[in-house]
Amino acid sequence: MPDTLEPQLKVSFRKSIAMGPGKASLLDSIEKNGSISAAARELGMSYRRAWILVDTMNQCFAAALVETLTGGTRGGGAQVTEFGKEVLLRYRAMERKATNSVRTEMSEFSEYMR
């Protein structure tokens, strides 16, 4: 039996996944590091992949979740917008509710796993 079995909440919008565990982790890392490239490194993904995920999120929502900063002596950077922080907060709340609502079933389901 596996150590833990957890559901994943993915929110689809049209043909894209607007928010899911990976995108939420990317937002957390951008907030922490102030940079898409630093967030990508921390999460073990390419900058290009991180940029595509940020672009997808920004296109799916009514306002940008991440803003990029240009120039300056230290170069650019990125920041999670106030709207992005609110979206992330609500997503994390939905994630907790979803996990709690299927806790018993997940425990029983895990018996079917190798």
PDB file of N, CA and C in Angstrom:
ATOM      1  N   MET A   1       0.851  -1.183   0.000  1.00  0.00           N
ATOM      2  CA  MET A   1       0.000   0.000   0.000  1.00  0.00           C
ATOM      3  C   MET A   1       0.893   1.241   0.000  1.00  0.00           C
ATOM      4  N   PRO A   2       0.570   2.270  -0.823  1.00  0.00           N
ATOM      5  CA  PRO A   2       1.403   3.471  -0.881  1.00  0.00           C
ATOM      6  C   PRO A   2       1.348   4.257   0.430  1.00  0.00           C
ATOM      7  N   ASP A   3       2.397   5.052   0.631  1.00  0.00           N
ATOM      8  CA  ASP A   3       2.454   5.874   1.843  1.00  0.00           C
ATOM      9  C   ASP A   3       1.285   6.844   1.902  1.00  0.00           C
ATOM     10  N   THR A   4       1.106   7.600   0.833  1.00  0.00           N
ATOM     11  CA  THR A   4      -0.009   8.547   0.793  1.00  0.00           C
ATOM     12  C   THR A   4      -0.588   8.581  -0.609  1.00  0.00           C
ATOM     13  N   LEU A   5      -1.854   8.796  -0.676  1.00  0.00           N
ATOM     14  CA  LEU A   5      -2.573   8.922  -1.925  1.00  0.00           C
ATOM     15  C   LEU A   5      -3.389  10.190  -1.787  1.00  0.00           C
ATOM     16  N   GLU A   6      -3.173  11.141  -2.677  1.00  0.00           N
ATOM     17  CA  GLU A   6      -3.848  12.428  -2.560  1.00  0.00           C
ATOM     18  C   GLU A   6      -4.505  12.803  -3.870  1.00  0.00           C
ATOM     19  N   PRO A   7      -5.700  13.373  -3.792  1.00  0.00           N
ATOM     20  CA  PRO A   7      -6.335  13.871  -5.016  1.00  0.00           C
ATOM     21  C   PRO A   7      -5.664  15.173  -5.450  1.00  0.00           C
ATOM     22  N   GLN A   8      -5.798  15.493  -6.729  1.00  0.00           N
ATOM     23  CA  GLN A   8      -5.291  16.768  -7.234  1.00  0.00           C
ATOM     24  C   GLN A   8      -6.447  17.542  -7.844  1.00  0.00           C
ATOM     25  N   LEU A   9      -6.566  18.786  -7.464  1.00  0.00           N
ATOM     26  CA  LEU A   9      -7.601  19.651  -7.994  1.00  0.00           C
ATOM     27  C   LEU A   9      -7.026  20.436  -9.167  1.00  0.00           C
ATOM     28  N   LYS A  10      -7.645  20.284 -10.334  1.00  0.00           N
ATOM     29  CA  LYS A  10      -7.256  21.045 -11.517  1.00  0.00           C
ATOM     30  C   LYS A  10      -8.484  21.785 -12.014  1.00  0.00           C
ATOM     31  N   VAL A  11      -8.323  23.078 -12.254  1.00  0.00           N
ATOM     32  CA  VAL A  11      -9.412  23.913 -12.722  1.00  0.00           C
ATOM     33  C   VAL A  11      -9.190  24.195 -14.199  1.00  0.00           C
ATOM     34  N   SER A  12     -10.090  23.686 -15.028  1.00  0.00           N
ATOM     35  CA  SER A  12      -9.974  23.877 -16.478  1.00  0.00           C
ATOM     36  C   SER A  12     -10.785  25.084 -16.927  1.00  0.00           C
ATOM     37  N   PHE A  13     -10.264  25.764 -17.928  1.00  0.00           N
ATOM     38  CA  PHE A  13     -10.956  26.887 -18.543  1.00  0.00           C
ATOM     39  C   PHE A  13     -10.764  26.762 -20.045  1.00  0.00           C
ATOM     40  N   ARG A  14     -11.854  26.562 -20.735  1.00  0.00           N
ATOM     41  CA  ARG A  14     -11.797  26.249 -22.160  1.00  0.00           C
ATOM     42  C   ARG A  14     -10.930  25.020 -22.356  1.00  0.00           C
ATOM     43  N   LYS A  15      -9.869  25.080 -23.109  1.00  0.00           N
ATOM     44  CA  LYS A  15      -9.027  23.903 -23.337  1.00  0.00           C
ATOM     45  C   LYS A  15      -7.763  23.898 -22.494  1.00  0.00           C
ATOM     46  N   SER A  16      -7.650  24.825 -21.563  1.00  0.00           N
ATOM     47  CA  SER A  16      -6.440  24.951 -20.743  1.00  0.00           C
ATOM     48  C   SER A  16      -6.724  24.602 -19.291  1.00  0.00           C
ATOM     49  N   ILE A  17      -5.674  24.160 -18.604  1.00  0.00           N
ATOM     50  CA  ILE A  17      -5.762  24.030 -17.150  1.00  0.00           C
ATOM     51  C   ILE A  17      -5.364  25.392 -16.592  1.00  0.00           C
ATOM     52  N   ALA A  18      -6.355  26.105 -16.056  1.00  0.00           N
ATOM     53  CA  ALA A  18      -6.121  27.453 -15.545  1.00  0.00           C
ATOM     54  C   ALA A  18      -5.324  27.432 -14.249  1.00  0.00           C
ATOM     55  N   MET A  19      -5.602  26.425 -13.413  1.00  0.00           N
ATOM     56  CA  MET A  19      -4.901  26.332 -12.130  1.00  0.00           C
ATOM     57  C   MET A  19      -4.881  24.872 -11.708  1.00  0.00           C
ATOM     58  N   GLY A  20      -3.747  24.479 -11.174  1.00  0.00           N
ATOM     59  CA  GLY A  20      -3.562  23.131 -10.655  1.00  0.00           C
ATOM     60  C   GLY A  20      -2.408  23.159  -9.668  1.00  0.00           C
ATOM     61  N   PRO A  21      -2.050  22.015  -9.130  1.00  0.00           N
ATOM     62  CA  PRO A  21      -0.990  21.985  -8.117  1.00  0.00           C
ATOM     63  C   PRO A  21       0.342  22.552  -8.594  1.00  0.00           C
ATOM     64  N   GLY A  22       0.740  22.252  -9.829  1.00  0.00           N
ATOM     65  CA  GLY A  22       2.008  22.756 -10.350  1.00  0.00           C
ATOM     66  C   GLY A  22       2.011  24.260 -10.525  1.00  0.00           C
ATOM     67  N   LYS A  23       0.926  24.787 -11.040  1.00  0.00           N
ATOM     68  CA  LYS A  23       0.833  26.237 -11.234  1.00  0.00           C
ATOM     69  C   LYS A  23       0.770  26.958  -9.897  1.00  0.00           C
ATOM     70  N   ALA A  24       0.076  26.364  -8.932  1.00  0.00           N
ATOM     71  CA  ALA A  24       0.032  26.965  -7.593  1.00  0.00           C
ATOM     72  C   ALA A  24       1.434  26.990  -6.974  1.00  0.00           C
ATOM     73  N   SER A  25       2.174  25.904  -7.131  1.00  0.00           N
ATOM     74  CA  SER A  25       3.551  25.868  -6.618  1.00  0.00           C
ATOM     75  C   SER A  25       4.427  26.897  -7.318  1.00  0.00           C
ATOM     76  N   LEU A  26       4.210  27.069  -8.616  1.00  0.00           N
ATOM     77  CA  LEU A  26       4.971  28.070  -9.362  1.00  0.00           C
ATOM     78  C   LEU A  26       4.666  29.473  -8.841  1.00  0.00           C
ATOM     79  N   LEU A  27       3.406  29.776  -8.591  1.00  0.00           N
ATOM     80  CA  LEU A  27       3.055  31.086  -8.029  1.00  0.00           C
ATOM     81  C   LEU A  27       3.714  31.292  -6.665  1.00  0.00           C
ATOM     82  N   ASP A  28       3.663  30.265  -5.818  1.00  0.00           N
ATOM     83  CA  ASP A  28       4.326  30.364  -4.504  1.00  0.00           C
ATOM     84  C   ASP A  28       5.813  30.671  -4.669  1.00  0.00           C
ATOM     85  N   SER A  29       6.454  29.986  -5.612  1.00  0.00           N
ATOM     86  CA  SER A  29       7.889  30.155  -5.815  1.00  0.00           C
ATOM     87  C   SER A  29       8.221  31.525  -6.415  1.00  0.00           C
ATOM     88  N   ILE A  30       7.391  32.013  -7.316  1.00  0.00           N
ATOM     89  CA  ILE A  30       7.603  33.358  -7.872  1.00  0.00           C
ATOM     90  C   ILE A  30       7.474  34.392  -6.765  1.00  0.00           C
ATOM     91  N   GLU A  31       6.482  34.223  -5.916  1.00  0.00           N
ATOM     92  CA  GLU A  31       6.282  35.146  -4.790  1.00  0.00           C
ATOM     93  C   GLU A  31       7.515  35.142  -3.885  1.00  0.00           C
ATOM     94  N   LYS A  32       8.042  33.967  -3.622  1.00  0.00           N
ATOM     95  CA  LYS A  32       9.204  33.820  -2.733  1.00  0.00           C
ATOM     96  C   LYS A  32      10.478  34.369  -3.363  1.00  0.00           C
ATOM     97  N   ASN A  33      10.690  34.095  -4.654  1.00  0.00           N
ATOM     98  CA  ASN A  33      11.957  34.414  -5.311  1.00  0.00           C
ATOM     99  C   ASN A  33      11.969  35.717  -6.103  1.00  0.00           C
ATOM    100  N   GLY A  34      10.798  36.241  -6.441  1.00  0.00           N
ATOM    101  CA  GLY A  34      10.740  37.491  -7.205  1.00  0.00           C
ATOM    102  C   GLY A  34      11.208  37.346  -8.639  1.00  0.00           C
ATOM    103  N   SER A  35      11.158  36.111  -9.159  1.00  0.00           N
ATOM    104  CA  SER A  35      11.684  35.857 -10.491  1.00  0.00           C
ATOM    105  C   SER A  35      11.104  34.561 -11.039  1.00  0.00           C
ATOM    106  N   ILE A  36      10.730  34.578 -12.319  1.00  0.00           N
ATOM    107  CA  ILE A  36      10.259  33.357 -12.961  1.00  0.00           C
ATOM    108  C   ILE A  36      11.416  32.376 -13.121  1.00  0.00           C
ATOM    109  N   SER A  37      12.583  32.872 -13.507  1.00  0.00           N
ATOM    110  CA  SER A  37      13.721  31.964 -13.713  1.00  0.00           C
ATOM    111  C   SER A  37      14.164  31.323 -12.398  1.00  0.00           C
ATOM    112  N   ALA A  38      14.199  32.079 -11.315  1.00  0.00           N
ATOM    113  CA  ALA A  38      14.575  31.515 -10.017  1.00  0.00           C
ATOM    114  C   ALA A  38      13.526  30.515  -9.543  1.00  0.00           C
ATOM    115  N   ALA A  39      12.262  30.822  -9.789  1.00  0.00           N
ATOM    116  CA  ALA A  39      11.185  29.892  -9.428  1.00  0.00           C
ATOM    117  C   ALA A  39      11.318  28.601 -10.222  1.00  0.00           C
ATOM    118  N   ALA A  40      11.605  28.725 -11.511  1.00  0.00           N
ATOM    119  CA  ALA A  40      11.776  27.544 -12.363  1.00  0.00           C
ATOM    120  C   ALA A  40      12.925  26.678 -11.853  1.00  0.00           C
ATOM    121  N   ARG A  41      14.045  27.306 -11.529  1.00  0.00           N
ATOM    122  CA  ARG A  41      15.193  26.554 -10.999  1.00  0.00           C
ATOM    123  C   ARG A  41      14.819  25.830  -9.713  1.00  0.00           C
ATOM    124  N   GLU A  42      14.132  26.540  -8.821  1.00  0.00           N
ATOM    125  CA  GLU A  42      13.743  25.943  -7.542  1.00  0.00           C
ATOM    126  C   GLU A  42      12.841  24.725  -7.742  1.00  0.00           C
ATOM    127  N   LEU A  43      11.995  24.771  -8.758  1.00  0.00           N
ATOM    128  CA  LEU A  43      11.042  23.685  -9.004  1.00  0.00           C
ATOM    129  C   LEU A  43      11.570  22.640  -9.980  1.00  0.00           C
ATOM    130  N   GLY A  44      12.787  22.852 -10.487  1.00  0.00           N
ATOM    131  CA  GLY A  44      13.386  21.878 -11.395  1.00  0.00           C
ATOM    132  C   GLY A  44      12.752  21.843 -12.774  1.00  0.00           C
ATOM    133  N   MET A  45      12.315  22.994 -13.259  1.00  0.00           N
ATOM    134  CA  MET A  45      11.746  23.061 -14.599  1.00  0.00           C
ATOM    135  C   MET A  45      12.481  24.104 -15.418  1.00  0.00           C
ATOM    136  N   SER A  46      12.322  24.037 -16.712  1.00  0.00           N
ATOM    137  CA  SER A  46      12.983  25.010 -17.574  1.00  0.00           C
ATOM    138  C   SER A  46      12.284  26.368 -17.457  1.00  0.00           C
ATOM    139  N   TYR A  47      13.045  27.418 -17.756  1.00  0.00           N
ATOM    140  CA  TYR A  47      12.460  28.754 -17.767  1.00  0.00           C
ATOM    141  C   TYR A  47      11.321  28.813 -18.770  1.00  0.00           C
ATOM    142  N   ARG A  48      11.524  28.191 -19.930  1.00  0.00           N
ATOM    143  CA  ARG A  48      10.497  28.216 -20.975  1.00  0.00           C
ATOM    144  C   ARG A  48       9.197  27.593 -20.470  1.00  0.00           C
ATOM    145  N   ARG A  49       9.292  26.457 -19.787  1.00  0.00           N
ATOM    146  CA  ARG A  49       8.103  25.794 -19.244  1.00  0.00           C
ATOM    147  C   ARG A  49       7.411  26.681 -18.223  1.00  0.00           C
ATOM    148  N   ALA A  50       8.177  27.285 -17.339  1.00  0.00           N
ATOM    149  CA  ALA A  50       7.608  28.183 -16.333  1.00  0.00           C
ATOM    150  C   ALA A  50       6.920  29.364 -17.004  1.00  0.00           C
ATOM    151  N   TRP A  51       7.557  29.923 -18.023  1.00  0.00           N
ATOM    152  CA  TRP A  51       6.978  31.064 -18.726  1.00  0.00           C
ATOM    153  C   TRP A  51       5.656  30.676 -19.390  1.00  0.00           C
ATOM    154  N   ILE A  52       5.601  29.496 -20.003  1.00  0.00           N
ATOM    155  CA  ILE A  52       4.366  29.022 -20.640  1.00  0.00           C
ATOM    156  C   ILE A  52       3.255  28.867 -19.601  1.00  0.00           C
ATOM    157  N   LEU A  53       3.589  28.325 -18.436  1.00  0.00           N
ATOM    158  CA  LEU A  53       2.588  28.172 -17.375  1.00  0.00           C
ATOM    159  C   LEU A  53       2.069  29.525 -16.900  1.00  0.00           C
ATOM    160  N   VAL A  54       2.974  30.486 -16.716  1.00  0.00           N
ATOM    161  CA  VAL A  54       2.571  31.839 -16.300  1.00  0.00           C
ATOM    162  C   VAL A  54       1.691  32.468 -17.372  1.00  0.00           C
ATOM    163  N   ASP A  55       2.093  32.337 -18.627  1.00  0.00           N
ATOM    164  CA  ASP A  55       1.316  32.917 -19.729  1.00  0.00           C
ATOM    165  C   ASP A  55      -0.084  32.304 -19.795  1.00  0.00           C
ATOM    166  N   THR A  56      -0.171  30.993 -19.613  1.00  0.00           N
ATOM    167  CA  THR A  56      -1.479  30.325 -19.620  1.00  0.00           C
ATOM    168  C   THR A  56      -2.361  30.858 -18.498  1.00  0.00           C
ATOM    169  N   MET A  57      -1.805  30.963 -17.294  1.00  0.00           N
ATOM    170  CA  MET A  57      -2.589  31.500 -16.170  1.00  0.00           C
ATOM    171  C   MET A  57      -3.054  32.920 -16.466  1.00  0.00           C
ATOM    172  N   ASN A  58      -2.143  33.755 -16.953  1.00  0.00           N
ATOM    173  CA  ASN A  58      -2.501  35.144 -17.229  1.00  0.00           C
ATOM    174  C   ASN A  58      -3.586  35.256 -18.296  1.00  0.00           C
ATOM    175  N   GLN A  59      -3.612  34.321 -19.243  1.00  0.00           N
ATOM    176  CA  GLN A  59      -4.628  34.352 -20.292  1.00  0.00           C
ATOM    177  C   GLN A  59      -5.981  33.823 -19.819  1.00  0.00           C
ATOM    178  N   CYS A  60      -5.968  32.923 -18.843  1.00  0.00           N
ATOM    179  CA  CYS A  60      -7.209  32.295 -18.387  1.00  0.00           C
ATOM    180  C   CYS A  60      -8.014  33.165 -17.429  1.00  0.00           C
ATOM    181  N   PHE A  61      -7.354  34.018 -16.687  1.00  0.00           N
ATOM    182  CA  PHE A  61      -8.034  34.781 -15.652  1.00  0.00           C
ATOM    183  C   PHE A  61      -8.355  36.203 -16.117  1.00  0.00           C
ATOM    184  N   ALA A  62      -9.265  36.833 -15.401  1.00  0.00           N
ATOM    185  CA  ALA A  62      -9.754  38.172 -15.758  1.00  0.00           C
ATOM    186  C   ALA A  62      -8.673  39.242 -15.666  1.00  0.00           C
ATOM    187  N   ALA A  63      -7.642  38.994 -14.888  1.00  0.00           N
ATOM    188  CA  ALA A  63      -6.509  39.912 -14.754  1.00  0.00           C
ATOM    189  C   ALA A  63      -5.251  39.064 -14.590  1.00  0.00           C
ATOM    190  N   ALA A  64      -4.110  39.689 -14.775  1.00  0.00           N
ATOM    191  CA  ALA A  64      -2.832  38.974 -14.673  1.00  0.00           C
ATOM    192  C   ALA A  64      -2.597  38.476 -13.251  1.00  0.00           C
ATOM    193  N   LEU A  65      -2.067  37.262 -13.147  1.00  0.00           N
ATOM    194  CA  LEU A  65      -1.677  36.707 -11.857  1.00  0.00           C
ATOM    195  C   LEU A  65      -0.219  37.021 -11.559  1.00  0.00           C
ATOM    196  N   VAL A  66       0.565  37.175 -12.621  1.00  0.00           N
ATOM    197  CA  VAL A  66       1.994  37.482 -12.505  1.00  0.00           C
ATOM    198  C   VAL A  66       2.306  38.649 -13.426  1.00  0.00           C
ATOM    199  N   GLU A  67       3.050  39.607 -12.906  1.00  0.00           N
ATOM    200  CA  GLU A  67       3.549  40.734 -13.708  1.00  0.00           C
ATOM    201  C   GLU A  67       5.063  40.621 -13.788  1.00  0.00           C
ATOM    202  N   THR A  68       5.577  40.858 -14.978  1.00  0.00           N
ATOM    203  CA  THR A  68       7.031  40.868 -15.137  1.00  0.00           C
ATOM    204  C   THR A  68       7.526  42.291 -15.015  1.00  0.00           C
ATOM    205  N   LEU A  69       8.734  42.413 -14.495  1.00  0.00           N
ATOM    206  CA  LEU A  69       9.368  43.711 -14.303  1.00  0.00           C
ATOM    207  C   LEU A  69      10.563  43.777 -15.236  1.00  0.00           C
ATOM    208  N   THR A  70      10.784  44.910 -15.876  1.00  0.00           N
ATOM    209  CA  THR A  70      11.885  45.018 -16.823  1.00  0.00           C
ATOM    210  C   THR A  70      12.953  45.971 -16.330  1.00  0.00           C
ATOM    211  N   GLY A  71      14.152  45.753 -16.842  1.00  0.00           N
ATOM    212  CA  GLY A  71      15.268  46.681 -16.664  1.00  0.00           C
ATOM    213  C   GLY A  71      15.751  46.853 -15.246  1.00  0.00           C
ATOM    214  N   GLY A  72      16.372  47.996 -15.016  1.00  0.00           N
ATOM    215  CA  GLY A  72      16.950  48.291 -13.716  1.00  0.00           C
ATOM    216  C   GLY A  72      18.358  47.729 -13.609  1.00  0.00           C
ATOM    217  N   THR A  73      19.053  48.084 -12.564  1.00  0.00           N
ATOM    218  CA  THR A  73      20.431  47.636 -12.382  1.00  0.00           C
ATOM    219  C   THR A  73      20.517  46.140 -12.090  1.00  0.00           C
ATOM    220  N   ARG A  74      19.476  45.592 -11.504  1.00  0.00           N
ATOM    221  CA  ARG A  74      19.479  44.161 -11.177  1.00  0.00           C
ATOM    222  C   ARG A  74      18.712  43.349 -12.228  1.00  0.00           C
ATOM    223  N   GLY A  75      18.389  43.966 -13.335  1.00  0.00           N
ATOM    224  CA  GLY A  75      17.615  43.271 -14.361  1.00  0.00           C
ATOM    225  C   GLY A  75      16.143  43.310 -14.037  1.00  0.00           C
ATOM    226  N   GLY A  76      15.404  42.379 -14.602  1.00  0.00           N
ATOM    227  CA  GLY A  76      13.956  42.358 -14.407  1.00  0.00           C
ATOM    228  C   GLY A  76      13.566  41.589 -13.165  1.00  0.00           C
ATOM    229  N   GLY A  77      12.523  40.867 -13.305  1.00  0.00           N
ATOM    230  CA  GLY A  77      11.988  40.094 -12.196  1.00  0.00           C
ATOM    231  C   GLY A  77      10.522  39.847 -12.460  1.00  0.00           C
ATOM    232  N   ALA A  78       9.844  39.327 -11.495  1.00  0.00           N
ATOM    233  CA  ALA A  78       8.413  39.069 -11.605  1.00  0.00           C
ATOM    234  C   ALA A  78       7.803  39.125 -10.219  1.00  0.00           C
ATOM    235  N   GLN A  79       6.528  39.434 -10.195  1.00  0.00           N
ATOM    236  CA  GLN A  79       5.820  39.432  -8.922  1.00  0.00           C
ATOM    237  C   GLN A  79       4.411  38.917  -9.127  1.00  0.00           C
ATOM    238  N   VAL A  80       3.904  38.255  -8.111  1.00  0.00           N
ATOM    239  CA  VAL A  80       2.525  37.809  -8.115  1.00  0.00           C
ATOM    240  C   VAL A  80       1.681  39.025  -7.754  1.00  0.00           C
ATOM    241  N   THR A  81       0.686  39.295  -8.572  1.00  0.00           N
ATOM    242  CA  THR A  81      -0.174  40.459  -8.342  1.00  0.00           C
ATOM    243  C   THR A  81      -1.095  40.207  -7.142  1.00  0.00           C
ATOM    244  N   GLU A  82      -1.728  41.257  -6.665  1.00  0.00           N
ATOM    245  CA  GLU A  82      -2.709  41.097  -5.584  1.00  0.00           C
ATOM    246  C   GLU A  82      -3.829  40.167  -6.035  1.00  0.00           C
ATOM    247  N   PHE A  83      -4.256  40.302  -7.296  1.00  0.00           N
ATOM    248  CA  PHE A  83      -5.269  39.412  -7.855  1.00  0.00           C
ATOM    249  C   PHE A  83      -4.753  37.974  -7.851  1.00  0.00           C
ATOM    250  N   GLY A  84      -3.503  37.777  -8.227  1.00  0.00           N
ATOM    251  CA  GLY A  84      -2.891  36.452  -8.231  1.00  0.00           C
ATOM    252  C   GLY A  84      -2.841  35.847  -6.838  1.00  0.00           C
ATOM    253  N   LYS A  85      -2.540  36.672  -5.848  1.00  0.00           N
ATOM    254  CA  LYS A  85      -2.513  36.189  -4.467  1.00  0.00           C
ATOM    255  C   LYS A  85      -3.901  35.746  -4.023  1.00  0.00           C
ATOM    256  N   GLU A  86      -4.918  36.486  -4.428  1.00  0.00           N
ATOM    257  CA  GLU A  86      -6.294  36.131  -4.089  1.00  0.00           C
ATOM    258  C   GLU A  86      -6.713  34.833  -4.779  1.00  0.00           C
ATOM    259  N   VAL A  87      -6.372  34.688  -6.057  1.00  0.00           N
ATOM    260  CA  VAL A  87      -6.683  33.458  -6.790  1.00  0.00           C
ATOM    261  C   VAL A  87      -6.001  32.273  -6.115  1.00  0.00           C
ATOM    262  N   LEU A  88      -4.730  32.422  -5.754  1.00  0.00           N
ATOM    263  CA  LEU A  88      -3.982  31.348  -5.103  1.00  0.00           C
ATOM    264  C   LEU A  88      -4.599  30.987  -3.754  1.00  0.00           C
ATOM    265  N   LEU A  89      -4.988  31.978  -2.989  1.00  0.00           N
ATOM    266  CA  LEU A  89      -5.616  31.750  -1.688  1.00  0.00           C
ATOM    267  C   LEU A  89      -6.913  30.952  -1.850  1.00  0.00           C
ATOM    268  N   ARG A  90      -7.735  31.341  -2.814  1.00  0.00           N
ATOM    269  CA  ARG A  90      -9.003  30.634  -3.055  1.00  0.00           C
ATOM    270  C   ARG A  90      -8.759  29.226  -3.588  1.00  0.00           C
ATOM    271  N   TYR A  91      -7.769  29.067  -4.454  1.00  0.00           N
ATOM    272  CA  TYR A  91      -7.446  27.742  -4.970  1.00  0.00           C
ATOM    273  C   TYR A  91      -7.014  26.821  -3.830  1.00  0.00           C
ATOM    274  N   ARG A  92      -6.144  27.299  -2.954  1.00  0.00           N
ATOM    275  CA  ARG A  92      -5.673  26.486  -1.828  1.00  0.00           C
ATOM    276  C   ARG A  92      -6.840  26.088  -0.920  1.00  0.00           C
ATOM    277  N   ALA A  93      -7.806  26.987  -0.731  1.00  0.00           N
ATOM    278  CA  ALA A  93      -8.986  26.675   0.084  1.00  0.00           C
ATOM    279  C   ALA A  93      -9.817  25.579  -0.589  1.00  0.00           C
ATOM    280  N   MET A  94     -10.008  25.673  -1.907  1.00  0.00           N
ATOM    281  CA  MET A  94     -10.754  24.645  -2.637  1.00  0.00           C
ATOM    282  C   MET A  94     -10.027  23.313  -2.583  1.00  0.00           C
ATOM    283  N   GLU A  95      -8.716  23.360  -2.688  1.00  0.00           N
ATOM    284  CA  GLU A  95      -7.887  22.161  -2.635  1.00  0.00           C
ATOM    285  C   GLU A  95      -8.069  21.439  -1.286  1.00  0.00           C
ATOM    286  N   ARG A  96      -8.038  22.211  -0.197  1.00  0.00           N
ATOM    287  CA  ARG A  96      -8.231  21.625   1.142  1.00  0.00           C
ATOM    288  C   ARG A  96      -9.626  21.000   1.264  1.00  0.00           C
ATOM    289  N   LYS A  97     -10.649  21.719   0.790  1.00  0.00           N
ATOM    290  CA  LYS A  97     -12.018  21.201   0.868  1.00  0.00           C
ATOM    291  C   LYS A  97     -12.172  19.925   0.054  1.00  0.00           C
ATOM    292  N   ALA A  98     -11.601  19.906  -1.138  1.00  0.00           N
ATOM    293  CA  ALA A  98     -11.698  18.723  -1.995  1.00  0.00           C
ATOM    294  C   ALA A  98     -11.013  17.535  -1.338  1.00  0.00           C
ATOM    295  N   THR A  99      -9.831  17.745  -0.794  1.00  0.00           N
ATOM    296  CA  THR A  99      -9.090  16.667  -0.132  1.00  0.00           C
ATOM    297  C   THR A  99      -9.861  16.142   1.072  1.00  0.00           C
ATOM    298  N   ASN A 100     -10.386  17.044   1.887  1.00  0.00           N
ATOM    299  CA  ASN A 100     -11.131  16.633   3.075  1.00  0.00           C
ATOM    300  C   ASN A 100     -12.409  15.882   2.714  1.00  0.00           C
ATOM    301  N   SER A 101     -13.048  16.270   1.614  1.00  0.00           N
ATOM    302  CA  SER A 101     -14.332  15.655   1.260  1.00  0.00           C
ATOM    303  C   SER A 101     -14.195  14.215   0.773  1.00  0.00           C
ATOM    304  N   VAL A 102     -13.006  13.825   0.312  1.00  0.00           N
ATOM    305  CA  VAL A 102     -12.827  12.456  -0.187  1.00  0.00           C
ATOM    306  C   VAL A 102     -11.818  11.659   0.652  1.00  0.00           C
ATOM    307  N   ARG A 103     -11.510  12.135   1.825  1.00  0.00           N
ATOM    308  CA  ARG A 103     -10.496  11.489   2.668  1.00  0.00           C
ATOM    309  C   ARG A 103     -10.799   9.999   2.903  1.00  0.00           C
ATOM    310  N   THR A 104     -12.021   9.663   3.297  1.00  0.00           N
ATOM    311  CA  THR A 104     -12.382   8.269   3.570  1.00  0.00           C
ATOM    312  C   THR A 104     -12.283   7.430   2.309  1.00  0.00           C
ATOM    313  N   GLU A 105     -12.843   7.938   1.219  1.00  0.00           N
ATOM    314  CA  GLU A 105     -12.804   7.203  -0.042  1.00  0.00           C
ATOM    315  C   GLU A 105     -11.370   7.000  -0.528  1.00  0.00           C
ATOM    316  N   MET A 106     -10.515   7.988  -0.361  1.00  0.00           N
ATOM    317  CA  MET A 106      -9.115   7.865  -0.783  1.00  0.00           C
ATOM    318  C   MET A 106      -8.414   6.789   0.038  1.00  0.00           C
ATOM    319  N   SER A 107      -8.712   6.735   1.314  1.00  0.00           N
ATOM    320  CA  SER A 107      -8.110   5.712   2.154  1.00  0.00           C
ATOM    321  C   SER A 107      -8.529   4.323   1.688  1.00  0.00           C
ATOM    322  N   GLU A 108      -9.802   4.153   1.399  1.00  0.00           N
ATOM    323  CA  GLU A 108     -10.294   2.878   0.899  1.00  0.00           C
ATOM    324  C   GLU A 108      -9.746   2.571  -0.485  1.00  0.00           C
ATOM    325  N   PHE A 109      -9.668   3.589  -1.324  1.00  0.00           N
ATOM    326  CA  PHE A 109      -9.173   3.421  -2.691  1.00  0.00           C
ATOM    327  C   PHE A 109      -7.704   3.012  -2.702  1.00  0.00           C
ATOM    328  N   SER A 110      -6.958   3.509  -1.734  1.00  0.00           N
ATOM    329  CA  SER A 110      -5.524   3.209  -1.680  1.00  0.00           C
ATOM    330  C   SER A 110      -5.262   1.712  -1.520  1.00  0.00           C
ATOM    331  N   GLU A 111      -6.240   0.972  -1.025  1.00  0.00           N
ATOM    332  CA  GLU A 111      -6.087  -0.469  -0.874  1.00  0.00           C
ATOM    333  C   GLU A 111      -5.946  -1.165  -2.230  1.00  0.00           C
ATOM    334  N   TYR A 112      -6.393  -0.518  -3.294  1.00  0.00           N
ATOM    335  CA  TYR A 112      -6.287  -1.075  -4.635  1.00  0.00           C
ATOM    336  C   TYR A 112      -4.922  -0.819  -5.275  1.00  0.00           C
ATOM    337  N   MET A 113      -4.123   0.004  -4.654  1.00  0.00           N
ATOM    338  CA  MET A 113      -2.834   0.387  -5.212  1.00  0.00           C
ATOM    339  C   MET A 113      -1.773  -0.642  -4.864  1.00  0.00           C
ATOM    340  N   ARG A 114      -0.711  -0.658  -5.646  1.00  0.00           N
ATOM    341  CA  ARG A 114       0.387  -1.620  -5.422  1.00  0.00           C
ATOM    342  C   ARG A 114       1.161  -1.302  -4.187  1.00  0.00           C
TER     343      ARG A 114
END
